[in-house]
N, C-alpha and C. Protein backbone atom coordinates (compact mmCIF):
# COMPACT_ATOMS: atom_id res chain seq x y z
N MET A 1 233.33 158.05 -59.03
CA MET A 1 234.33 158.07 -58.29
C MET A 1 235.40 157.50 -58.80
N GLN A 2 236.69 157.80 -58.44
CA GLN A 2 238.19 157.54 -58.93
C GLN A 2 238.29 155.90 -58.52
N ARG A 3 239.05 155.38 -59.94
CA ARG A 3 239.24 153.87 -59.58
C ARG A 3 240.67 153.68 -58.34
N GLY A 4 240.51 152.98 -57.66
CA GLY A 4 241.21 152.68 -56.68
C GLY A 4 241.09 153.40 -55.33
N LEU A 5 240.32 154.17 -55.57
CA LEU A 5 239.77 154.90 -54.17
C LEU A 5 238.55 154.48 -53.54
N SER A 6 238.87 153.85 -52.39
CA SER A 6 237.85 153.54 -51.30
C SER A 6 236.76 154.26 -51.00
N LEU A 7 235.62 154.13 -50.81
CA LEU A 7 234.61 155.02 -50.23
C LEU A 7 234.90 155.69 -49.28
N TRP A 8 235.56 155.21 -48.12
CA TRP A 8 235.99 156.01 -47.09
C TRP A 8 237.12 156.88 -47.35
N SER A 9 238.14 156.83 -48.15
CA SER A 9 239.03 157.51 -48.63
C SER A 9 238.30 158.73 -49.66
N PHE A 10 237.31 158.25 -50.29
CA PHE A 10 236.76 159.41 -51.30
C PHE A 10 235.91 160.24 -50.21
N LEU A 11 235.07 159.71 -49.40
CA LEU A 11 234.60 160.57 -48.58
C LEU A 11 235.54 161.63 -47.59
N CYS A 12 236.42 161.04 -47.11
CA CYS A 12 237.44 161.89 -46.55
C CYS A 12 237.93 163.02 -47.11
N LYS A 13 238.28 162.66 -48.35
CA LYS A 13 239.01 163.58 -49.34
C LYS A 13 238.15 164.87 -49.87
N VAL A 14 236.92 164.01 -49.89
CA VAL A 14 235.76 165.11 -50.65
C VAL A 14 235.41 166.14 -49.35
N THR A 15 235.21 165.54 -47.94
CA THR A 15 234.89 166.59 -47.10
C THR A 15 235.97 167.11 -46.39
N GLY A 16 237.17 166.86 -46.84
CA GLY A 16 238.26 167.44 -45.94
C GLY A 16 238.43 166.97 -44.44
N MET A 17 237.80 165.62 -44.16
CA MET A 17 237.92 165.00 -42.89
C MET A 17 239.21 164.40 -42.58
N ARG A 18 239.75 164.13 -43.55
CA ARG A 18 240.93 162.96 -43.42
C ARG A 18 242.02 163.85 -42.38
N ARG A 19 242.24 165.09 -42.60
CA ARG A 19 243.12 165.99 -41.79
C ARG A 19 242.61 165.81 -40.45
N LEU A 20 241.02 166.38 -40.15
CA LEU A 20 240.53 166.30 -38.84
C LEU A 20 240.67 165.02 -38.30
N LEU A 21 240.24 163.89 -38.86
CA LEU A 21 240.30 162.50 -38.38
C LEU A 21 241.82 162.28 -37.59
N SER A 22 242.85 162.61 -38.63
CA SER A 22 244.02 162.38 -38.18
C SER A 22 244.59 163.11 -37.34
N LEU A 23 244.02 164.45 -36.86
CA LEU A 23 244.39 165.18 -35.83
C LEU A 23 243.76 164.73 -34.35
N LEU A 24 242.35 164.24 -34.87
CA LEU A 24 241.74 163.40 -33.89
C LEU A 24 242.39 162.06 -33.00
N PHE A 25 242.87 161.32 -33.86
CA PHE A 25 243.65 160.07 -33.67
C PHE A 25 245.06 160.87 -33.05
N VAL A 26 245.71 161.50 -33.74
CA VAL A 26 246.86 161.94 -32.76
C VAL A 26 246.50 162.44 -31.42
N LEU A 27 245.64 163.33 -31.04
CA LEU A 27 245.06 163.74 -29.75
C LEU A 27 244.71 162.64 -28.98
N SER A 28 244.15 161.57 -29.54
CA SER A 28 243.49 160.58 -28.79
C SER A 28 244.75 159.71 -28.03
N LEU A 29 245.86 159.64 -28.79
CA LEU A 29 247.14 158.95 -28.50
C LEU A 29 247.66 160.01 -27.65
N VAL A 30 247.64 161.00 -27.62
CA VAL A 30 248.48 161.85 -26.54
C VAL A 30 247.84 161.78 -25.39
N ALA A 31 246.56 162.14 -25.36
CA ALA A 31 245.83 161.97 -24.26
C ALA A 31 245.90 160.72 -23.25
N ARG A 32 245.71 159.69 -24.01
CA ARG A 32 245.90 158.30 -23.59
C ARG A 32 247.40 158.11 -22.94
N ALA A 33 248.42 158.49 -23.79
CA ALA A 33 249.82 158.50 -22.92
C ALA A 33 249.73 159.41 -21.67
N VAL A 34 248.97 160.82 -21.73
CA VAL A 34 249.10 161.36 -20.53
C VAL A 34 248.24 160.90 -19.37
N VAL A 35 247.14 160.24 -19.70
CA VAL A 35 246.56 159.70 -18.53
C VAL A 35 247.14 158.49 -17.99
N ALA A 36 247.84 157.70 -18.71
CA ALA A 36 248.30 156.57 -18.66
C ALA A 36 249.77 156.47 -17.82
N ALA A 37 250.38 157.82 -18.11
CA ALA A 37 251.71 157.86 -17.32
C ALA A 37 251.42 158.15 -15.93
N PRO A 38 252.19 157.42 -15.18
CA PRO A 38 252.08 157.56 -13.51
C PRO A 38 253.08 159.03 -13.13
N LEU A 39 252.55 159.27 -12.23
CA LEU A 39 252.75 160.34 -11.54
C LEU A 39 254.42 159.92 -10.99
N PRO A 40 255.54 161.10 -11.04
CA PRO A 40 256.63 160.66 -10.58
C PRO A 40 256.38 160.06 -9.22
N LEU A 41 255.57 160.78 -8.04
CA LEU A 41 255.52 159.90 -7.17
C LEU A 41 255.00 158.67 -6.73
N GLU A 42 254.29 158.41 -7.67
CA GLU A 42 253.68 156.82 -7.88
C GLU A 42 254.93 155.79 -8.56
N LYS A 43 255.58 156.28 -9.37
CA LYS A 43 256.69 155.57 -9.74
C LYS A 43 257.67 155.41 -8.69
N GLU A 44 258.03 156.62 -7.96
CA GLU A 44 259.13 156.49 -6.55
C GLU A 44 258.50 155.31 -5.62
N VAL A 45 257.25 155.57 -5.22
CA VAL A 45 256.68 154.51 -4.29
C VAL A 45 256.66 153.03 -5.22
N ALA A 46 256.36 152.93 -6.26
CA ALA A 46 256.26 151.59 -7.05
C ALA A 46 257.61 151.19 -6.82
N ASP A 47 258.47 152.02 -7.26
CA ASP A 47 260.13 151.38 -7.08
C ASP A 47 260.70 151.10 -5.84
N LEU A 48 260.07 151.64 -4.82
CA LEU A 48 260.29 151.48 -3.27
C LEU A 48 259.59 150.28 -2.96
N ALA A 49 258.47 149.89 -3.10
CA ALA A 49 257.72 148.41 -3.15
C ALA A 49 258.12 147.28 -3.91
N ALA A 50 258.99 147.53 -5.00
CA ALA A 50 259.52 146.72 -5.65
C ALA A 50 260.90 146.01 -5.18
N GLY A 51 261.31 146.59 -4.22
CA GLY A 51 262.40 146.10 -3.57
C GLY A 51 262.22 144.76 -2.73
N SER A 52 263.32 144.16 -2.31
CA SER A 52 263.15 142.71 -1.66
C SER A 52 262.67 142.92 -0.33
N GLN A 53 262.74 144.13 0.36
CA GLN A 53 262.31 144.10 2.01
C GLN A 53 260.46 144.28 1.82
N VAL A 54 260.17 144.07 2.79
CA VAL A 54 258.52 144.55 2.92
C VAL A 54 258.44 145.98 2.71
N THR A 55 257.43 146.31 2.11
CA THR A 55 257.04 147.85 2.25
C THR A 55 255.79 148.25 2.52
N VAL A 56 255.41 148.97 3.44
CA VAL A 56 254.22 149.43 3.94
C VAL A 56 253.79 150.82 3.18
N VAL A 57 252.95 150.98 2.23
CA VAL A 57 252.45 152.28 2.10
C VAL A 57 251.18 152.87 2.65
N HIS A 58 251.40 153.88 3.52
CA HIS A 58 250.27 154.35 4.37
C HIS A 58 249.69 155.84 3.60
N LEU A 59 248.15 155.83 3.20
CA LEU A 59 247.85 156.98 2.89
C LEU A 59 247.29 157.57 4.04
N TRP A 60 247.40 159.05 4.11
CA TRP A 60 246.79 159.85 5.02
C TRP A 60 246.69 161.13 4.81
N ALA A 61 245.86 162.02 5.95
CA ALA A 61 245.85 163.13 5.26
C ALA A 61 245.75 164.12 6.97
N PRO A 62 246.27 165.08 7.19
CA PRO A 62 246.58 165.87 8.55
C PRO A 62 245.42 166.28 9.18
N TRP A 63 244.07 166.24 8.09
CA TRP A 63 242.49 166.76 8.73
C TRP A 63 241.88 165.42 9.20
N CYS A 64 242.44 164.29 9.03
CA CYS A 64 241.62 162.89 9.38
C CYS A 64 241.78 162.81 10.64
N PRO A 65 240.58 162.62 11.36
CA PRO A 65 240.61 162.12 12.73
C PRO A 65 241.26 160.77 13.08
N ASN A 66 240.86 159.89 12.02
CA ASN A 66 241.42 158.52 12.12
C ASN A 66 242.86 158.26 11.95
N CYS A 67 243.60 159.26 10.97
CA CYS A 67 245.11 159.72 11.02
C CYS A 67 245.56 159.90 12.03
N ARG A 68 245.06 161.19 12.77
CA ARG A 68 245.74 161.26 13.88
C ARG A 68 245.44 160.33 15.24
N THR A 69 244.64 159.72 15.34
CA THR A 69 244.14 158.66 16.24
C THR A 69 245.67 157.90 16.03
N GLU A 70 246.00 157.26 14.83
CA GLU A 70 247.32 156.60 14.64
C GLU A 70 248.46 156.91 15.00
N LEU A 71 248.64 158.12 15.18
CA LEU A 71 250.13 159.07 15.33
C LEU A 71 250.02 159.39 16.48
N ARG A 72 249.42 158.47 17.73
CA ARG A 72 249.32 158.66 19.08
C ARG A 72 250.58 158.19 19.52
N PRO A 73 251.28 158.29 20.73
CA PRO A 73 252.52 158.24 21.16
C PRO A 73 252.94 156.49 20.89
N ASP A 74 251.89 155.54 21.44
CA ASP A 74 252.10 154.22 21.02
C ASP A 74 251.65 153.51 19.60
N GLY A 75 251.56 154.48 18.61
CA GLY A 75 251.26 154.25 17.47
C GLY A 75 252.27 154.19 16.42
N TRP A 76 252.33 154.77 15.27
CA TRP A 76 253.29 154.61 14.16
C TRP A 76 254.62 154.57 14.51
N ALA A 77 255.06 155.47 15.25
CA ALA A 77 256.61 155.81 15.71
C ALA A 77 257.11 154.71 16.49
N LYS A 78 256.51 153.94 17.43
CA LYS A 78 256.57 152.75 18.08
C LYS A 78 256.98 151.63 16.99
N PHE A 79 255.64 151.64 16.32
CA PHE A 79 255.53 150.41 15.23
C PHE A 79 256.71 150.46 14.27
N ILE A 80 257.07 151.65 13.86
CA ILE A 80 258.20 151.77 12.73
C ILE A 80 259.34 151.50 13.39
N GLY A 81 259.95 152.01 14.63
CA GLY A 81 261.02 151.47 15.51
C GLY A 81 261.29 150.14 15.46
N ALA A 82 260.17 149.38 15.84
CA ALA A 82 260.14 148.06 16.24
C ALA A 82 260.23 147.13 14.86
N ASN A 83 260.26 147.93 13.64
CA ASN A 83 260.44 147.04 12.29
C ASN A 83 261.32 147.86 11.53
N PRO A 84 262.49 147.88 11.77
CA PRO A 84 263.81 148.55 11.19
C PRO A 84 263.88 147.98 9.77
N ALA A 85 263.49 146.50 9.57
CA ALA A 85 263.86 145.85 8.24
C ALA A 85 262.62 146.21 7.31
N VAL A 86 261.56 146.84 7.60
CA VAL A 86 260.64 147.24 6.72
C VAL A 86 260.66 148.72 6.39
N LYS A 87 260.22 148.90 5.08
CA LYS A 87 260.33 150.31 4.46
C LYS A 87 258.86 150.88 4.55
N PHE A 88 258.59 152.14 5.35
CA PHE A 88 257.57 152.68 5.50
C PHE A 88 257.29 153.97 4.77
N VAL A 89 256.48 154.20 3.98
CA VAL A 89 256.13 155.24 3.13
C VAL A 89 254.84 155.90 3.48
N PHE A 90 254.71 156.95 4.02
CA PHE A 90 253.41 157.81 4.27
C PHE A 90 253.22 158.59 3.08
N VAL A 91 252.04 158.57 2.43
CA VAL A 91 251.69 159.52 1.44
C VAL A 91 250.58 160.50 1.97
N ASN A 92 250.80 161.78 1.97
CA ASN A 92 249.69 162.70 2.34
C ASN A 92 248.82 162.83 1.12
N VAL A 93 247.82 162.51 1.29
CA VAL A 93 246.61 162.45 0.37
C VAL A 93 245.29 163.63 0.65
N TRP A 94 244.66 164.37 -0.16
CA TRP A 94 243.43 165.08 0.23
C TRP A 94 243.70 165.88 1.32
N HIS A 95 245.21 166.81 1.16
CA HIS A 95 245.58 167.37 2.17
C HIS A 95 245.20 168.97 2.00
N ASN A 96 244.40 169.23 0.86
CA ASN A 96 244.16 170.71 0.77
C ASN A 96 245.45 171.58 0.86
N GLY A 97 246.78 171.11 0.75
CA GLY A 97 247.64 171.73 0.86
C GLY A 97 248.43 171.94 2.01
N ASP A 98 248.03 171.25 2.95
CA ASP A 98 248.86 171.14 4.28
C ASP A 98 249.78 169.87 4.36
N ALA A 99 251.01 170.07 4.49
CA ALA A 99 251.90 169.29 4.10
C ALA A 99 251.93 168.20 5.24
N GLY A 100 251.37 168.52 6.36
CA GLY A 100 251.06 167.84 7.55
C GLY A 100 252.70 167.30 8.51
N THR A 101 253.52 168.42 8.17
CA THR A 101 254.99 168.16 8.81
C THR A 101 254.75 168.25 10.26
N ALA A 102 254.08 169.25 10.61
CA ALA A 102 253.96 169.56 12.33
C ALA A 102 253.34 168.56 12.73
N ILE A 103 252.32 167.69 12.57
CA ILE A 103 251.55 166.61 13.00
C ILE A 103 252.68 165.49 12.87
N LEU A 104 253.51 165.35 11.78
CA LEU A 104 254.17 164.06 11.73
C LEU A 104 255.62 164.26 12.85
N ASP A 105 255.78 165.59 12.96
CA ASP A 105 256.98 166.23 13.83
C ASP A 105 256.37 166.14 15.12
N GLN A 106 255.42 165.99 15.70
CA GLN A 106 254.65 165.95 17.12
C GLN A 106 254.47 164.19 17.16
N ALA A 107 254.19 163.42 16.29
CA ALA A 107 254.51 162.17 16.48
C ALA A 107 255.59 161.51 16.25
N VAL A 108 256.80 162.41 16.14
CA VAL A 108 258.05 161.73 16.36
C VAL A 108 258.45 160.89 14.97
N LEU A 109 257.56 161.09 13.95
CA LEU A 109 257.81 160.45 12.84
C LEU A 109 259.01 161.35 12.16
N GLY A 110 259.56 160.84 11.40
CA GLY A 110 260.74 161.43 10.34
C GLY A 110 262.03 161.21 10.42
N ALA A 111 262.73 161.09 11.65
CA ALA A 111 264.06 160.56 11.81
C ALA A 111 264.54 159.05 11.56
N GLN A 112 263.25 158.31 11.58
CA GLN A 112 263.56 157.08 11.31
C GLN A 112 264.25 156.59 10.07
N PRO A 113 265.49 155.88 9.88
CA PRO A 113 265.86 155.57 8.58
C PRO A 113 265.05 154.72 7.65
N ASN A 114 264.14 154.10 8.26
CA ASN A 114 263.28 153.52 7.40
C ASN A 114 262.03 154.07 7.10
N PHE A 115 261.70 155.31 7.22
CA PHE A 115 260.53 156.13 7.18
C PHE A 115 260.70 157.30 6.12
N LEU A 116 259.81 157.28 5.15
CA LEU A 116 259.83 158.29 4.09
C LEU A 116 258.66 159.24 4.13
N ALA A 117 258.50 160.44 3.97
CA ALA A 117 256.83 160.93 3.70
C ALA A 117 256.99 161.71 2.65
N ARG A 118 255.91 161.66 2.03
CA ARG A 118 255.57 162.41 0.58
C ARG A 118 254.36 162.92 0.76
N MET A 119 254.32 163.86 -0.26
CA MET A 119 253.12 164.66 -0.25
C MET A 119 252.17 164.48 -1.70
N HIS A 120 251.10 164.23 -2.17
CA HIS A 120 250.54 163.85 -3.34
C HIS A 120 250.38 165.02 -3.86
N PRO A 121 250.74 165.15 -5.33
CA PRO A 121 250.31 166.68 -6.02
C PRO A 121 249.19 166.92 -6.08
N ASN A 122 248.27 166.16 -5.96
CA ASN A 122 246.87 166.52 -5.91
C ASN A 122 245.96 166.58 -4.74
N GLY A 123 245.96 167.50 -4.09
CA GLY A 123 245.57 167.49 -2.80
C GLY A 123 244.00 167.61 -2.58
N THR A 124 243.41 167.76 -3.57
CA THR A 124 242.11 167.88 -3.70
C THR A 124 241.33 166.87 -2.85
N ARG A 125 240.38 167.31 -1.97
CA ARG A 125 239.57 166.19 -1.14
C ARG A 125 238.18 165.99 -2.29
N LYS A 126 237.61 167.01 -2.85
CA LYS A 126 236.38 166.89 -3.05
C LYS A 126 236.47 167.35 -4.56
N GLY A 127 235.37 166.91 -5.06
CA GLY A 127 235.19 167.19 -6.49
C GLY A 127 235.72 166.46 -7.60
N ASP A 128 235.65 166.86 -8.94
CA ASP A 128 236.14 166.34 -9.88
C ASP A 128 237.71 165.96 -10.04
N GLY A 129 238.71 166.94 -9.26
CA GLY A 129 239.90 166.64 -9.10
C GLY A 129 240.51 165.46 -8.32
N ARG A 130 239.61 165.01 -7.50
CA ARG A 130 240.02 164.26 -6.24
C ARG A 130 240.63 162.99 -6.90
N MET A 131 241.90 162.74 -6.08
CA MET A 131 242.59 161.58 -6.38
C MET A 131 241.77 160.35 -5.87
N THR A 132 241.64 159.62 -6.94
CA THR A 132 240.76 158.38 -6.51
C THR A 132 241.43 157.03 -6.81
N LYS A 133 242.66 156.85 -7.27
CA LYS A 133 243.76 155.93 -7.48
C LYS A 133 244.92 156.26 -7.19
N PHE A 134 245.75 155.17 -6.59
CA PHE A 134 247.14 155.59 -6.14
C PHE A 134 247.83 154.02 -6.52
N LEU A 135 248.92 154.07 -7.35
CA LEU A 135 249.55 152.71 -7.28
C LEU A 135 248.41 151.80 -8.38
N ASP A 136 247.55 152.23 -9.29
CA ASP A 136 246.37 151.49 -9.95
C ASP A 136 245.45 150.77 -8.76
N LEU A 137 245.18 151.43 -7.63
CA LEU A 137 244.34 150.59 -6.53
C LEU A 137 243.37 152.05 -6.10
N PRO A 138 241.98 151.34 -5.82
CA PRO A 138 241.15 152.47 -5.67
C PRO A 138 241.55 153.11 -4.30
N VAL A 139 241.29 154.56 -4.33
CA VAL A 139 241.50 155.03 -3.00
C VAL A 139 239.94 155.67 -2.43
N ALA A 140 239.52 155.17 -1.85
CA ALA A 140 237.94 155.70 -1.28
C ALA A 140 237.87 155.99 0.18
N TRP A 141 239.09 155.57 0.98
CA TRP A 141 238.97 155.92 2.42
C TRP A 141 240.25 156.01 2.99
N ILE A 142 240.63 156.71 3.76
CA ILE A 142 241.87 156.93 4.52
C ILE A 142 241.69 157.09 5.94
N PRO A 143 242.47 156.29 6.72
CA PRO A 143 243.80 155.90 6.13
C PRO A 143 243.76 154.65 5.63
N ALA A 144 244.53 154.53 4.53
CA ALA A 144 244.51 153.01 3.97
C ALA A 144 246.09 152.82 4.14
N THR A 145 246.27 151.54 4.46
CA THR A 145 247.33 150.96 4.44
C THR A 145 247.66 149.56 3.83
N TRP A 146 248.86 149.53 2.89
CA TRP A 146 249.06 148.67 1.89
C TRP A 146 250.40 148.15 2.20
N ILE A 147 250.16 146.51 2.10
CA ILE A 147 251.87 146.05 2.58
C ILE A 147 252.31 145.53 1.18
N TYR A 148 253.35 145.79 0.79
CA TYR A 148 254.03 145.03 -0.61
C TYR A 148 255.22 144.31 -0.21
N ARG A 149 255.72 143.39 -1.04
CA ARG A 149 256.82 142.62 -1.20
C ARG A 149 257.27 142.36 -2.44
N GLU A 150 258.35 142.55 -2.81
CA GLU A 150 258.82 142.43 -4.02
C GLU A 150 258.18 143.16 -5.31
N GLY A 151 257.14 143.98 -4.89
CA GLY A 151 256.54 144.78 -5.80
C GLY A 151 255.11 144.28 -5.96
N GLN A 152 254.82 143.20 -4.97
CA GLN A 152 253.63 142.59 -5.01
C GLN A 152 252.57 143.01 -3.80
N LEU A 153 251.45 143.39 -4.22
CA LEU A 153 250.60 143.61 -3.01
C LEU A 153 250.09 142.43 -2.33
N CYS A 154 250.72 142.48 -1.10
CA CYS A 154 250.29 141.11 -0.20
C CYS A 154 248.71 141.48 0.84
N TYR A 155 248.74 142.77 1.11
CA TYR A 155 247.66 143.03 2.18
C TYR A 155 247.15 144.47 1.79
N ALA A 156 245.96 144.65 1.93
CA ALA A 156 245.45 146.24 1.78
C ALA A 156 244.22 146.48 2.86
N LEU A 157 244.60 147.37 3.71
CA LEU A 157 243.67 147.71 4.63
C LEU A 157 243.09 149.24 4.38
N ASP A 158 241.99 149.14 3.89
CA ASP A 158 241.28 150.36 3.49
C ASP A 158 240.05 150.84 4.02
N TYR A 159 240.22 150.63 5.33
CA TYR A 159 239.02 150.76 6.26
C TYR A 159 238.95 151.57 7.28
N GLY A 160 239.96 152.40 7.61
CA GLY A 160 240.39 153.27 8.64
C GLY A 160 241.47 152.71 9.41
N GLU A 161 241.29 153.22 10.80
CA GLU A 161 242.62 153.09 11.47
C GLU A 161 243.10 151.54 11.49
N VAL A 162 244.10 151.51 11.57
CA VAL A 162 244.97 150.15 11.72
C VAL A 162 245.38 149.67 13.12
N ARG A 163 245.34 148.50 13.05
CA ARG A 163 245.43 147.98 14.28
C ARG A 163 246.80 147.20 14.26
N PHE A 164 247.80 147.59 15.25
CA PHE A 164 249.10 147.36 14.96
C PHE A 164 249.62 145.81 15.18
N PRO A 165 248.82 145.29 16.00
CA PRO A 165 249.17 143.67 16.31
C PRO A 165 248.80 142.82 14.97
N MET A 166 247.46 143.44 14.52
CA MET A 166 247.11 142.81 13.05
C MET A 166 247.97 143.07 11.76
N LEU A 167 248.56 144.49 12.05
CA LEU A 167 249.57 144.67 11.29
C LEU A 167 250.88 144.10 11.22
N GLN A 168 251.15 143.72 12.25
CA GLN A 168 252.50 143.39 12.59
C GLN A 168 252.40 141.57 11.82
N GLN A 169 251.34 141.03 12.27
CA GLN A 169 250.91 139.75 11.60
C GLN A 169 250.97 139.85 10.25
N MET A 170 250.58 140.63 9.45
CA MET A 170 250.14 140.88 8.07
C MET A 170 252.09 141.09 7.51
N ILE A 171 252.77 141.85 8.46
CA ILE A 171 253.81 142.22 7.93
C ILE A 171 255.27 140.93 8.03
N ASP A 172 254.69 140.18 9.19
CA ASP A 172 255.32 138.97 9.29
C ASP A 172 255.10 137.74 8.37
N ASP A 173 253.99 137.76 7.64
CA ASP A 173 253.11 136.66 6.82
C ASP A 173 253.79 137.40 5.45
N ALA A 174 253.83 138.48 5.33
CA ALA A 174 254.56 138.98 4.01
C ALA A 174 256.09 138.79 3.94
N ARG A 175 256.69 138.78 4.96
CA ARG A 175 258.13 138.50 4.98
C ARG A 175 258.24 136.91 4.88
N ALA A 176 257.49 136.26 5.29
CA ALA A 176 257.66 134.76 5.44
C ALA A 176 257.75 134.26 3.75
N ASP A 177 258.52 132.99 3.70
CA ASP A 177 258.91 132.36 2.62
C ASP A 177 257.66 131.35 2.34
N TRP A 178 256.88 131.46 1.52
CA TRP A 178 255.64 130.63 1.33
C TRP A 178 255.74 129.61 -0.09
N SER A 179 257.11 129.64 -0.13
CA SER A 179 257.23 128.40 -1.24
C SER A 179 257.39 126.97 -1.10
N HIS A 180 257.45 126.69 0.25
CA HIS A 180 257.36 125.23 0.72
C HIS A 180 255.85 124.95 1.09
């Protein structure tokens, strides 16, 4: 063995593994960066949720019976209209390519200035490609409704249909100053 050469360096040099190990290391860094990079949609929603106003992020899908129930005439449209200071972001997930525009139009959603509809780029509902996290939170059920203030999650409803009086209380609580 040459003087000053560690056993590891000697083995790598002898076996030609140094290049392979270097390549694997670089590939692992690239893969980690790709996995860690948030989707532009997640960045947009996170930026909205970071604002000083209360922001409601609602995950839904056009095929979901519970989501459709919430879109009844006395549902989301009425609630959003009654809360003009709250930002509402509807994210269509697990949609299998259906933008859900017709359903939102029928529910009279979209013209409100405090309403924003977005479609998740990965609409797969089943299998390995299924979206399971959004904004670093697990997504296991829809509809899901999350309430943010200044980028902090205040409440998360991940069990199905929302009850609007309960949601109103959560929004009021998230809006309140709890510093005293």
